[in-house]
Amino acid sequence: MVGRQKSAGVPSGMMVKPSVGKRIRKSLPYYILILPPLIYLLVFRYYPMLGIQIAFKDFKVRGGIWGSPWVGLKHFELFFSSSMAGTIIKNTFILSLYSLIASFPIPIVLAICLNECRSQKFKKFTQMVTYMPYFISTVVLVSMIIQFTDISSGFINQIIVQMGGDPVNFMGEVSYFRSLYVWTGVWQTMGYSAIVYLAALTGVPMELYEAAKVDGASKLRRIISIDIPYIAPTIITLFILNTGSILSIGFEKIYLMQNSINTPVSEVISTYVYKLGLVNFNYSFSTAVGLFNSLVNLFMLVLVNTISKRVSKVSVL
């Protein structure tokens, strides 16, 4: 009777909302789980952003970030008025676009081919062979490139000589640098990049394939009409993210492949910032160049995301 009297004042169909403290205690394990990545994000991603102000100061080690004098846009003006600015920006754009055009579609094709493979043993073997190069370190990869393309002992030149050709100095020719950089990168990353598309393809309902077979659709038609449309949101999302890092050329590989001969085409923003900032101790100037690089990436990300949102209704922001 007492219980009925207490519940009599609560309208039927309404539930009492628990207090904030009870909800926090109930979800405490999830808060603890998210705490380490949140701390990492704050300490290693957001806190270093305070260093951006170095680009607008004449940084002095003795005075530190806060004690260095403001100079405004001085370092940006120095960079854009220098003779190296145009060459560095052009090299970075060309190498980035070349890498994007070459490396983006190949994992998609590989994932579709593996998805259509009916032999599980061959499928697993191919996945392993294409996935393993991703774990080769950059130093080892560049060492392999140098040894394989060596003009006297490299097996590539030995094959060329055996076929009646003349040995080619791949690392000493400016025209070969970009292709060596891009296609070795494609070989190294295509298996790893294909994993995302393979995961998306596993979600395609089998009923669609069966209905397409009943309608007499060929394998190519099934790929075009079922597979590609189904993974299109994944493709667009990854394309937006890749475009957003269009000027973020990896530093280690390109720096290790650089020499005095290929510098006119291999000097990019990341290597330029390293040489100025760490080697020549010009921290303010290198920070200004790096900030310009980040702003261009942000602009490209927002631009491509906006276009994608209007055209395909898929976006990351």
C-alpha atoms as a PDB file:
ATOM      1  CA  MET A   1       0.000   0.000   0.000  1.00  0.00           C
ATOM      2  CA  VAL A   2       2.834   2.385   0.894  1.00  0.00           C
ATOM      3  CA  GLY A   3       4.616   1.620  -2.390  1.00  0.00           C
ATOM      4  CA  ARG A   4       1.443   2.396  -4.304  1.00  0.00           C
ATOM      5  CA  GLN A   5       1.027   5.708  -2.524  1.00  0.00           C
ATOM      6  CA  LYS A   6       4.635   6.739  -3.360  1.00  0.00           C
ATOM      7  CA  SER A   7       4.264   5.908  -7.014  1.00  0.00           C
ATOM      8  CA  ALA A   8       0.857   7.456  -7.265  1.00  0.00           C
ATOM      9  CA  GLY A   9       2.324  10.934  -7.711  1.00  0.00           C
ATOM     10  CA  VAL A  10       4.504   9.862 -10.695  1.00  0.00           C
ATOM     11  CA  PRO A  11       2.624   9.995 -14.006  1.00  0.00           C
ATOM     12  CA  SER A  12       2.506   6.726 -15.899  1.00  0.00           C
ATOM     13  CA  GLY A  13       4.995   6.412 -18.772  1.00  0.00           C
ATOM     14  CA  MET A  14       7.524   8.825 -17.172  1.00  0.00           C
ATOM     15  CA  MET A  15      10.877   7.708 -15.753  1.00  0.00           C
ATOM     16  CA  VAL A  16      12.849   9.463 -13.064  1.00  0.00           C
ATOM     17  CA  LYS A  17      16.142  10.744 -14.551  1.00  0.00           C
ATOM     18  CA  PRO A  18      19.170   9.723 -12.460  1.00  0.00           C
ATOM     19  CA  SER A  19      21.338  12.458 -11.029  1.00  0.00           C
ATOM     20  CA  VAL A  20      24.603  13.573 -12.631  1.00  0.00           C
ATOM     21  CA  GLY A  21      26.643  11.908  -9.908  1.00  0.00           C
ATOM     22  CA  LYS A  22      24.934   8.549 -10.440  1.00  0.00           C
ATOM     23  CA  ARG A  23      25.448   8.763 -14.194  1.00  0.00           C
ATOM     24  CA  ILE A  24      29.139   9.568 -13.738  1.00  0.00           C
ATOM     25  CA  ARG A  25      29.618   6.670 -11.311  1.00  0.00           C
ATOM     26  CA  LYS A  26      27.814   4.341 -13.697  1.00  0.00           C
ATOM     27  CA  SER A  27      30.008   5.381 -16.651  1.00  0.00           C
ATOM     28  CA  LEU A  28      33.225   5.701 -14.611  1.00  0.00           C
ATOM     29  CA  PRO A  29      35.011   2.758 -16.383  1.00  0.00           C
ATOM     30  CA  TYR A  30      34.430   4.442 -19.755  1.00  0.00           C
ATOM     31  CA  TYR A  31      35.795   7.758 -18.480  1.00  0.00           C
ATOM     32  CA  ILE A  32      38.894   5.985 -17.182  1.00  0.00           C
ATOM     33  CA  LEU A  33      39.263   4.217 -20.542  1.00  0.00           C
ATOM     34  CA  ILE A  34      39.179   7.485 -22.496  1.00  0.00           C
ATOM     35  CA  LEU A  35      41.444   9.348 -20.058  1.00  0.00           C
ATOM     36  CA  PRO A  36      44.887   8.179 -21.435  1.00  0.00           C
ATOM     37  CA  PRO A  37      44.202   9.166 -25.079  1.00  0.00           C
ATOM     38  CA  LEU A  38      42.680  12.456 -23.871  1.00  0.00           C
ATOM     39  CA  ILE A  39      45.815  13.238 -21.849  1.00  0.00           C
ATOM     40  CA  TYR A  40      47.991  12.279 -24.829  1.00  0.00           C
ATOM     41  CA  LEU A  41      45.960  14.582 -27.074  1.00  0.00           C
ATOM     42  CA  LEU A  42      46.229  17.511 -24.695  1.00  0.00           C
ATOM     43  CA  VAL A  43      49.930  17.090 -23.879  1.00  0.00           C
ATOM     44  CA  PHE A  44      51.335  16.145 -27.286  1.00  0.00           C
ATOM     45  CA  ARG A  45      48.875  17.807 -29.693  1.00  0.00           C
ATOM     46  CA  TYR A  46      47.309  20.893 -28.128  1.00  0.00           C
ATOM     47  CA  TYR A  47      49.960  22.079 -25.689  1.00  0.00           C
ATOM     48  CA  PRO A  48      52.692  22.235 -28.412  1.00  0.00           C
ATOM     49  CA  MET A  49      50.432  24.628 -30.358  1.00  0.00           C
ATOM     50  CA  LEU A  50      51.636  27.350 -28.013  1.00  0.00           C
ATOM     51  CA  GLY A  51      54.919  27.147 -29.911  1.00  0.00           C
ATOM     52  CA  ILE A  52      53.237  28.544 -33.039  1.00  0.00           C
ATOM     53  CA  GLN A  53      53.927  32.033 -31.723  1.00  0.00           C
ATOM     54  CA  ILE A  54      57.638  31.459 -32.435  1.00  0.00           C
ATOM     55  CA  ALA A  55      56.772  32.120 -36.096  1.00  0.00           C
ATOM     56  CA  PHE A  56      55.904  35.699 -35.136  1.00  0.00           C
ATOM     57  CA  LYS A  57      58.916  36.265 -32.889  1.00  0.00           C
ATOM     58  CA  ASP A  58      62.706  36.445 -33.085  1.00  0.00           C
ATOM     59  CA  PHE A  59      63.190  33.387 -30.922  1.00  0.00           C
ATOM     60  CA  LYS A  60      66.091  33.529 -28.494  1.00  0.00           C
ATOM     61  CA  VAL A  61      66.983  30.411 -26.509  1.00  0.00           C
ATOM     62  CA  ARG A  62      67.936  32.483 -23.468  1.00  0.00           C
ATOM     63  CA  GLY A  63      64.658  34.418 -23.458  1.00  0.00           C
ATOM     64  CA  GLY A  64      62.487  31.428 -24.317  1.00  0.00           C
ATOM     65  CA  ILE A  65      59.167  31.570 -26.146  1.00  0.00           C
ATOM     66  CA  TRP A  66      57.611  34.154 -23.866  1.00  0.00           C
ATOM     67  CA  GLY A  67      60.676  36.379 -23.560  1.00  0.00           C
ATOM     68  CA  SER A  68      61.495  36.649 -27.282  1.00  0.00           C
ATOM     69  CA  PRO A  69      60.517  39.887 -29.081  1.00  0.00           C
ATOM     70  CA  TRP A  70      57.576  40.039 -31.505  1.00  0.00           C
ATOM     71  CA  VAL A  71      58.413  40.721 -35.164  1.00  0.00           C
ATOM     72  CA  GLY A  72      55.011  40.128 -36.799  1.00  0.00           C
ATOM     73  CA  LEU A  73      55.067  38.652 -40.314  1.00  0.00           C
ATOM     74  CA  LYS A  74      58.793  39.219 -40.835  1.00  0.00           C
ATOM     75  CA  HIS A  75      59.684  35.535 -41.288  1.00  0.00           C
ATOM     76  CA  PHE A  76      56.791  34.896 -43.676  1.00  0.00           C
ATOM     77  CA  GLU A  77      57.916  37.831 -45.817  1.00  0.00           C
ATOM     78  CA  LEU A  78      61.482  36.515 -45.814  1.00  0.00           C
ATOM     79  CA  PHE A  79      60.323  33.083 -46.968  1.00  0.00           C
ATOM     80  CA  PHE A  80      58.072  34.268 -49.801  1.00  0.00           C
ATOM     81  CA  SER A  81      60.688  36.749 -50.997  1.00  0.00           C
ATOM     82  CA  SER A  82      63.468  34.135 -51.044  1.00  0.00           C
ATOM     83  CA  SER A  83      64.542  32.430 -54.252  1.00  0.00           C
ATOM     84  CA  MET A  84      63.905  28.970 -52.744  1.00  0.00           C
ATOM     85  CA  ALA A  85      60.224  29.502 -51.885  1.00  0.00           C
ATOM     86  CA  GLY A  86      58.789  28.869 -55.347  1.00  0.00           C
ATOM     87  CA  THR A  87      60.949  25.795 -55.957  1.00  0.00           C
ATOM     88  CA  ILE A  88      60.188  24.243 -52.579  1.00  0.00           C
ATOM     89  CA  ILE A  89      56.428  24.792 -52.831  1.00  0.00           C
ATOM     90  CA  LYS A  90      56.387  23.479 -56.426  1.00  0.00           C
ATOM     91  CA  ASN A  91      58.398  20.365 -55.508  1.00  0.00           C
ATOM     92  CA  THR A  92      56.128  19.654 -52.552  1.00  0.00           C
ATOM     93  CA  PHE A  93      52.927  20.028 -54.593  1.00  0.00           C
ATOM     94  CA  ILE A  94      54.194  17.915 -57.501  1.00  0.00           C
ATOM     95  CA  LEU A  95      55.452  15.112 -55.255  1.00  0.00           C
ATOM     96  CA  SER A  96      52.277  15.172 -53.148  1.00  0.00           C
ATOM     97  CA  LEU A  97      49.915  15.094 -56.144  1.00  0.00           C
ATOM     98  CA  TYR A  98      51.995  12.375 -57.811  1.00  0.00           C
ATOM     99  CA  SER A  99      51.844  10.294 -54.628  1.00  0.00           C
ATOM    100  CA  LEU A 100      48.093  10.847 -54.241  1.00  0.00           C
ATOM    101  CA  ILE A 101      47.283   9.965 -57.851  1.00  0.00           C
ATOM    102  CA  ALA A 102      49.499   6.873 -57.827  1.00  0.00           C
ATOM    103  CA  SER A 103      48.860   5.499 -54.343  1.00  0.00           C
ATOM    104  CA  PHE A 104      45.167   6.198 -53.760  1.00  0.00           C
ATOM    105  CA  PRO A 105      43.422   3.985 -56.381  1.00  0.00           C
ATOM    106  CA  ILE A 106      45.753   0.959 -56.180  1.00  0.00           C
ATOM    107  CA  PRO A 107      44.620  -0.224 -52.683  1.00  0.00           C
ATOM    108  CA  ILE A 108      41.004   0.007 -53.870  1.00  0.00           C
ATOM    109  CA  VAL A 109      41.738  -2.183 -56.893  1.00  0.00           C
ATOM    110  CA  LEU A 110      43.725  -4.612 -54.721  1.00  0.00           C
ATOM    111  CA  ALA A 111      40.899  -4.868 -52.170  1.00  0.00           C
ATOM    112  CA  ILE A 112      38.299  -5.537 -54.866  1.00  0.00           C
ATOM    113  CA  CYS A 113      40.496  -8.198 -56.487  1.00  0.00           C
ATOM    114  CA  LEU A 114      41.083  -9.902 -53.135  1.00  0.00           C
ATOM    115  CA  ASN A 115      37.366  -9.746 -52.367  1.00  0.00           C
ATOM    116  CA  GLU A 116      36.595 -11.519 -55.650  1.00  0.00           C
ATOM    117  CA  CYS A 117      39.241 -14.187 -55.039  1.00  0.00           C
ATOM    118  CA  ARG A 118      37.631 -17.550 -54.276  1.00  0.00           C
ATOM    119  CA  SER A 119      40.784 -19.401 -53.183  1.00  0.00           C
ATOM    120  CA  GLN A 120      41.247 -18.573 -49.506  1.00  0.00           C
ATOM    121  CA  LYS A 121      44.856 -19.822 -49.479  1.00  0.00           C
ATOM    122  CA  PHE A 122      45.833 -17.603 -52.408  1.00  0.00           C
ATOM    123  CA  LYS A 123      43.935 -14.701 -50.876  1.00  0.00           C
ATOM    124  CA  LYS A 124      45.750 -14.998 -47.530  1.00  0.00           C
ATOM    125  CA  PHE A 125      49.110 -15.437 -49.267  1.00  0.00           C
ATOM    126  CA  THR A 126      48.557 -12.314 -51.387  1.00  0.00           C
ATOM    127  CA  GLN A 127      47.453 -10.325 -48.353  1.00  0.00           C
ATOM    128  CA  MET A 128      50.576 -11.365 -46.452  1.00  0.00           C
ATOM    129  CA  VAL A 129      52.919 -10.534 -49.363  1.00  0.00           C
ATOM    130  CA  THR A 130      51.380  -7.088 -49.941  1.00  0.00           C
ATOM    131  CA  TYR A 131      51.002  -6.306 -46.229  1.00  0.00           C
ATOM    132  CA  MET A 132      54.536  -7.204 -45.059  1.00  0.00           C
ATOM    133  CA  PRO A 133      56.415  -4.307 -46.758  1.00  0.00           C
ATOM    134  CA  TYR A 134      54.534  -1.855 -44.539  1.00  0.00           C
ATOM    135  CA  PHE A 135      56.625  -3.026 -41.570  1.00  0.00           C
ATOM    136  CA  ILE A 136      59.946  -2.311 -43.275  1.00  0.00           C
ATOM    137  CA  SER A 137      61.545   0.707 -41.639  1.00  0.00           C
ATOM    138  CA  THR A 138      62.250   3.783 -43.734  1.00  0.00           C
ATOM    139  CA  VAL A 139      66.014   3.419 -43.311  1.00  0.00           C
ATOM    140  CA  VAL A 140      65.955  -0.193 -44.494  1.00  0.00           C
ATOM    141  CA  LEU A 141      63.681   0.685 -47.423  1.00  0.00           C
ATOM    142  CA  VAL A 142      65.968   3.470 -48.646  1.00  0.00           C
ATOM    143  CA  SER A 143      68.981   1.165 -48.250  1.00  0.00           C
ATOM    144  CA  MET A 144      67.197  -1.415 -50.417  1.00  0.00           C
ATOM    145  CA  ILE A 145      66.457   1.239 -53.059  1.00  0.00           C
ATOM    146  CA  ILE A 146      70.096   2.360 -53.152  1.00  0.00           C
ATOM    147  CA  GLN A 147      71.437  -1.197 -53.375  1.00  0.00           C
ATOM    148  CA  PHE A 148      68.895  -2.428 -55.943  1.00  0.00           C
ATOM    149  CA  THR A 149      69.468   0.571 -58.226  1.00  0.00           C
ATOM    150  CA  ASP A 150      73.257   0.729 -57.836  1.00  0.00           C
ATOM    151  CA  ILE A 151      74.853   1.380 -61.224  1.00  0.00           C
ATOM    152  CA  SER A 152      77.431  -1.403 -60.883  1.00  0.00           C
ATOM    153  CA  SER A 153      76.069  -4.054 -58.493  1.00  0.00           C
ATOM    154  CA  GLY A 154      72.306  -3.431 -58.399  1.00  0.00           C
ATOM    155  CA  PHE A 155      70.220  -6.273 -59.785  1.00  0.00           C
ATOM    156  CA  ILE A 156      68.011  -3.852 -61.744  1.00  0.00           C
ATOM    157  CA  ASN A 157      70.998  -2.598 -63.736  1.00  0.00           C
ATOM    158  CA  GLN A 158      72.268  -6.146 -64.145  1.00  0.00           C
ATOM    159  CA  ILE A 159      68.948  -7.082 -65.743  1.00  0.00           C
ATOM    160  CA  ILE A 160      69.163  -4.016 -68.016  1.00  0.00           C
ATOM    161  CA  VAL A 161      72.705  -4.990 -69.089  1.00  0.00           C
ATOM    162  CA  GLN A 162      71.680  -8.608 -69.680  1.00  0.00           C
ATOM    163  CA  MET A 163      68.922  -7.350 -71.990  1.00  0.00           C
ATOM    164  CA  GLY A 164      71.454  -5.345 -73.997  1.00  0.00           C
ATOM    165  CA  GLY A 165      70.931  -1.924 -72.442  1.00  0.00           C
ATOM    166  CA  ASP A 166      73.258   0.488 -70.693  1.00  0.00           C
ATOM    167  CA  PRO A 167      73.305   0.789 -66.882  1.00  0.00           C
ATOM    168  CA  VAL A 168      71.266   3.665 -65.479  1.00  0.00           C
ATOM    169  CA  ASN A 169      72.306   5.817 -62.528  1.00  0.00           C
ATOM    170  CA  PHE A 170      68.848   6.001 -60.963  1.00  0.00           C
ATOM    171  CA  MET A 171      69.938   7.866 -57.821  1.00  0.00           C
ATOM    172  CA  GLY A 172      72.091  10.239 -59.834  1.00  0.00           C
ATOM    173  CA  GLU A 173      69.442  11.280 -62.359  1.00  0.00           C
ATOM    174  CA  VAL A 174      67.035  14.060 -61.388  1.00  0.00           C
ATOM    175  CA  SER A 175      64.288  12.680 -63.642  1.00  0.00           C
ATOM    176  CA  TYR A 176      64.077   9.357 -61.746  1.00  0.00           C
ATOM    177  CA  PHE A 177      63.808  10.699 -58.193  1.00  0.00           C
ATOM    178  CA  ARG A 178      60.049  11.360 -58.044  1.00  0.00           C
ATOM    179  CA  SER A 179      59.104   8.031 -59.585  1.00  0.00           C
ATOM    180  CA  LEU A 180      61.451   6.130 -57.267  1.00  0.00           C
ATOM    181  CA  TYR A 181      60.017   7.914 -54.252  1.00  0.00           C
ATOM    182  CA  VAL A 182      56.365   7.464 -55.226  1.00  0.00           C
ATOM    183  CA  TRP A 183      56.314   3.901 -56.551  1.00  0.00           C
ATOM    184  CA  THR A 184      58.411   2.447 -53.745  1.00  0.00           C
ATOM    185  CA  GLY A 185      55.910   4.095 -51.407  1.00  0.00           C
ATOM    186  CA  VAL A 186      53.033   2.505 -53.306  1.00  0.00           C
ATOM    187  CA  TRP A 187      54.695  -0.916 -52.994  1.00  0.00           C
ATOM    188  CA  GLN A 188      55.206  -0.419 -49.274  1.00  0.00           C
ATOM    189  CA  THR A 189      51.741   0.853 -48.309  1.00  0.00           C
ATOM    190  CA  MET A 190      49.214  -0.613 -50.753  1.00  0.00           C
ATOM    191  CA  GLY A 191      48.582  -3.795 -48.735  1.00  0.00           C
ATOM    192  CA  TYR A 192      48.079  -1.928 -45.486  1.00  0.00           C
ATOM    193  CA  SER A 193      45.827   0.679 -47.110  1.00  0.00           C
ATOM    194  CA  ALA A 194      43.690  -2.049 -48.703  1.00  0.00           C
ATOM    195  CA  ILE A 195      42.642  -3.368 -45.275  1.00  0.00           C
ATOM    196  CA  VAL A 196      40.112  -0.561 -44.781  1.00  0.00           C
ATOM    197  CA  TYR A 197      38.441  -1.268 -48.128  1.00  0.00           C
ATOM    198  CA  LEU A 198      38.447  -5.026 -47.502  1.00  0.00           C
ATOM    199  CA  ALA A 199      36.701  -4.429 -44.189  1.00  0.00           C
ATOM    200  CA  ALA A 200      34.092  -2.272 -45.941  1.00  0.00           C
ATOM    201  CA  LEU A 201      33.542  -4.916 -48.628  1.00  0.00           C
ATOM    202  CA  THR A 202      32.829  -7.602 -46.025  1.00  0.00           C
ATOM    203  CA  GLY A 203      29.709  -5.647 -45.107  1.00  0.00           C
ATOM    204  CA  VAL A 204      28.139  -5.960 -48.554  1.00  0.00           C
ATOM    205  CA  PRO A 205      24.964  -8.118 -48.231  1.00  0.00           C
ATOM    206  CA  MET A 206      25.274 -11.430 -50.079  1.00  0.00           C
ATOM    207  CA  GLU A 207      21.683 -11.001 -51.265  1.00  0.00           C
ATOM    208  CA  LEU A 208      22.834  -8.245 -53.610  1.00  0.00           C
ATOM    209  CA  TYR A 209      25.359 -10.553 -55.279  1.00  0.00           C
ATOM    210  CA  GLU A 210      22.815 -13.349 -55.572  1.00  0.00           C
ATOM    211  CA  ALA A 211      20.210 -11.021 -57.088  1.00  0.00           C
ATOM    212  CA  ALA A 212      22.785  -9.686 -59.551  1.00  0.00           C
ATOM    213  CA  LYS A 213      23.720 -13.237 -60.592  1.00  0.00           C
ATOM    214  CA  VAL A 214      20.059 -14.073 -61.156  1.00  0.00           C
ATOM    215  CA  ASP A 215      19.753 -10.991 -63.367  1.00  0.00           C
ATOM    216  CA  GLY A 216      22.735 -12.184 -65.398  1.00  0.00           C
ATOM    217  CA  ALA A 217      25.183  -9.494 -64.288  1.00  0.00           C
ATOM    218  CA  SER A 218      28.815 -10.225 -65.083  1.00  0.00           C
ATOM    219  CA  LYS A 219      31.566 -10.028 -62.461  1.00  0.00           C
ATOM    220  CA  LEU A 220      32.653  -6.629 -63.765  1.00  0.00           C
ATOM    221  CA  ARG A 221      29.087  -5.332 -63.643  1.00  0.00           C
ATOM    222  CA  ARG A 222      28.728  -6.564 -60.036  1.00  0.00           C
ATOM    223  CA  ILE A 223      31.896  -4.722 -59.062  1.00  0.00           C
ATOM    224  CA  ILE A 224      30.728  -1.492 -60.718  1.00  0.00           C
ATOM    225  CA  SER A 225      27.125  -1.665 -59.505  1.00  0.00           C
ATOM    226  CA  ILE A 226      27.543  -3.190 -56.023  1.00  0.00           C
ATOM    227  CA  ASP A 227      31.097  -3.074 -54.646  1.00  0.00           C
ATOM    228  CA  ILE A 228      32.148   0.433 -55.657  1.00  0.00           C
ATOM    229  CA  PRO A 229      28.885   2.174 -54.613  1.00  0.00           C
ATOM    230  CA  TYR A 230      28.941   0.330 -51.285  1.00  0.00           C
ATOM    231  CA  ILE A 231      32.481   1.422 -50.397  1.00  0.00           C
ATOM    232  CA  ALA A 232      32.112   4.885 -51.975  1.00  0.00           C
ATOM    233  CA  PRO A 233      31.646   6.673 -48.589  1.00  0.00           C
ATOM    234  CA  THR A 234      34.868   5.065 -47.332  1.00  0.00           C
ATOM    235  CA  ILE A 235      36.701   6.058 -50.518  1.00  0.00           C
ATOM    236  CA  ILE A 236      35.494   9.659 -50.301  1.00  0.00           C
ATOM    237  CA  THR A 237      36.329   9.967 -46.597  1.00  0.00           C
ATOM    238  CA  LEU A 238      39.878   8.679 -47.073  1.00  0.00           C
ATOM    239  CA  PHE A 239      40.341  10.870 -50.135  1.00  0.00           C
ATOM    240  CA  ILE A 240      39.354  13.947 -48.126  1.00  0.00           C
ATOM    241  CA  LEU A 241      41.806  13.024 -45.359  1.00  0.00           C
ATOM    242  CA  ASN A 242      44.617  12.359 -47.845  1.00  0.00           C
ATOM    243  CA  THR A 243      43.953  15.654 -49.598  1.00  0.00           C
ATOM    244  CA  GLY A 244      44.062  17.424 -46.249  1.00  0.00           C
ATOM    245  CA  SER A 245      47.695  16.367 -45.877  1.00  0.00           C
ATOM    246  CA  ILE A 246      48.710  17.222 -49.425  1.00  0.00           C
ATOM    247  CA  LEU A 247      51.811  19.151 -48.349  1.00  0.00           C
ATOM    248  CA  SER A 248      52.766  16.756 -45.564  1.00  0.00           C
ATOM    249  CA  ILE A 249      55.425  14.820 -47.426  1.00  0.00           C
ATOM    250  CA  GLY A 250      57.153  12.307 -45.171  1.00  0.00           C
ATOM    251  CA  PHE A 251      60.457  13.750 -44.013  1.00  0.00           C
ATOM    252  CA  GLU A 252      62.563  10.658 -43.277  1.00  0.00           C
ATOM    253  CA  LYS A 253      62.383   8.886 -46.622  1.00  0.00           C
ATOM    254  CA  ILE A 254      62.853  11.921 -48.826  1.00  0.00           C
ATOM    255  CA  TYR A 255      65.727  13.188 -46.666  1.00  0.00           C
ATOM    256  CA  LEU A 256      67.527   9.834 -46.828  1.00  0.00           C
ATOM    257  CA  MET A 257      67.073   9.708 -50.616  1.00  0.00           C
ATOM    258  CA  GLN A 258      68.422  13.227 -51.104  1.00  0.00           C
ATOM    259  CA  ASN A 259      71.847  13.909 -52.549  1.00  0.00           C
ATOM    260  CA  SER A 260      73.604  16.876 -54.124  1.00  0.00           C
ATOM    261  CA  ILE A 261      72.374  15.879 -57.601  1.00  0.00           C
ATOM    262  CA  ASN A 262      68.624  15.439 -57.001  1.00  0.00           C
ATOM    263  CA  THR A 263      68.215  18.368 -54.568  1.00  0.00           C
ATOM    264  CA  PRO A 264      66.540  20.603 -57.233  1.00  0.00           C
ATOM    265  CA  VAL A 265      63.525  18.246 -57.256  1.00  0.00           C
ATOM    266  CA  SER A 266      63.810  16.639 -53.801  1.00  0.00           C
ATOM    267  CA  GLU A 267      63.960  19.743 -51.602  1.00  0.00           C
ATOM    268  CA  VAL A 268      60.495  20.014 -50.049  1.00  0.00           C
ATOM    269  CA  ILE A 269      59.024  21.960 -47.152  1.00  0.00           C
ATOM    270  CA  SER A 270      59.711  19.305 -44.507  1.00  0.00           C
ATOM    271  CA  THR A 271      63.411  18.932 -45.401  1.00  0.00           C
ATOM    272  CA  TYR A 272      63.783  22.703 -45.745  1.00  0.00           C
ATOM    273  CA  VAL A 273      62.296  23.247 -42.277  1.00  0.00           C
ATOM    274  CA  TYR A 274      64.617  20.597 -40.810  1.00  0.00           C
ATOM    275  CA  LYS A 275      67.747  22.104 -42.323  1.00  0.00           C
ATOM    276  CA  LEU A 276      66.856  25.626 -41.228  1.00  0.00           C
ATOM    277  CA  GLY A 277      65.384  24.839 -37.830  1.00  0.00           C
ATOM    278  CA  LEU A 278      67.625  22.111 -36.442  1.00  0.00           C
ATOM    279  CA  VAL A 279      70.795  22.344 -38.491  1.00  0.00           C
ATOM    280  CA  ASN A 280      71.058  26.140 -38.789  1.00  0.00           C
ATOM    281  CA  PHE A 281      69.166  26.908 -35.532  1.00  0.00           C
ATOM    282  CA  ASN A 282      66.782  29.317 -37.294  1.00  0.00           C
ATOM    283  CA  TYR A 283      63.755  28.252 -35.284  1.00  0.00           C
ATOM    284  CA  SER A 284      61.498  31.240 -35.994  1.00  0.00           C
ATOM    285  CA  PHE A 285      61.908  31.072 -39.765  1.00  0.00           C
ATOM    286  CA  SER A 286      61.406  27.294 -39.902  1.00  0.00           C
ATOM    287  CA  THR A 287      58.313  27.560 -37.684  1.00  0.00           C
ATOM    288  CA  ALA A 288      56.855  30.167 -40.045  1.00  0.00           C
ATOM    289  CA  VAL A 289      57.415  27.860 -43.026  1.00  0.00           C
ATOM    290  CA  GLY A 290      55.903  24.917 -41.139  1.00  0.00           C
ATOM    291  CA  LEU A 291      52.883  27.014 -40.141  1.00  0.00           C
ATOM    292  CA  PHE A 292      52.342  27.976 -43.775  1.00  0.00           C
ATOM    293  CA  ASN A 293      52.451  24.278 -44.645  1.00  0.00           C
ATOM    294  CA  SER A 294      49.817  23.462 -42.011  1.00  0.00           C
ATOM    295  CA  LEU A 295      47.523  26.305 -43.106  1.00  0.00           C
ATOM    296  CA  VAL A 296      47.597  25.112 -46.724  1.00  0.00           C
ATOM    297  CA  ASN A 297      46.723  21.583 -45.565  1.00  0.00           C
ATOM    298  CA  LEU A 298      43.840  22.938 -43.490  1.00  0.00           C
ATOM    299  CA  PHE A 299      42.554  24.980 -46.434  1.00  0.00           C
ATOM    300  CA  MET A 300      42.692  21.945 -48.754  1.00  0.00           C
ATOM    301  CA  LEU A 301      40.908  19.775 -46.183  1.00  0.00           C
ATOM    302  CA  VAL A 302      38.067  22.273 -45.737  1.00  0.00           C
ATOM    303  CA  LEU A 303      37.794  22.898 -49.492  1.00  0.00           C
ATOM    304  CA  VAL A 304      37.634  19.229 -50.522  1.00  0.00           C
ATOM    305  CA  ASN A 305      35.328  18.410 -47.608  1.00  0.00           C
ATOM    306  CA  THR A 306      32.927  21.216 -48.626  1.00  0.00           C
ATOM    307  CA  ILE A 307      32.882  20.082 -52.270  1.00  0.00           C
ATOM    308  CA  SER A 308      32.319  16.454 -51.229  1.00  0.00           C
ATOM    309  CA  LYS A 309      29.504  17.441 -48.876  1.00  0.00           C
ATOM    310  CA  ARG A 310      27.675  19.310 -51.639  1.00  0.00           C
ATOM    311  CA  VAL A 311      28.262  16.714 -54.364  1.00  0.00           C
ATOM    312  CA  SER A 312      28.071  13.357 -52.581  1.00  0.00           C
ATOM    313  CA  LYS A 313      26.647  14.289 -49.140  1.00  0.00           C
ATOM    314  CA  VAL A 314      29.697  12.612 -47.529  1.00  0.00           C
ATOM    315  CA  SER A 315      32.019  14.649 -45.311  1.00  0.00           C
ATOM    316  CA  VAL A 316      34.335  14.362 -42.321  1.00  0.00           C
ATOM    317  CA  LEU A 317      33.432  17.709 -40.729  1.00  0.00           C
END
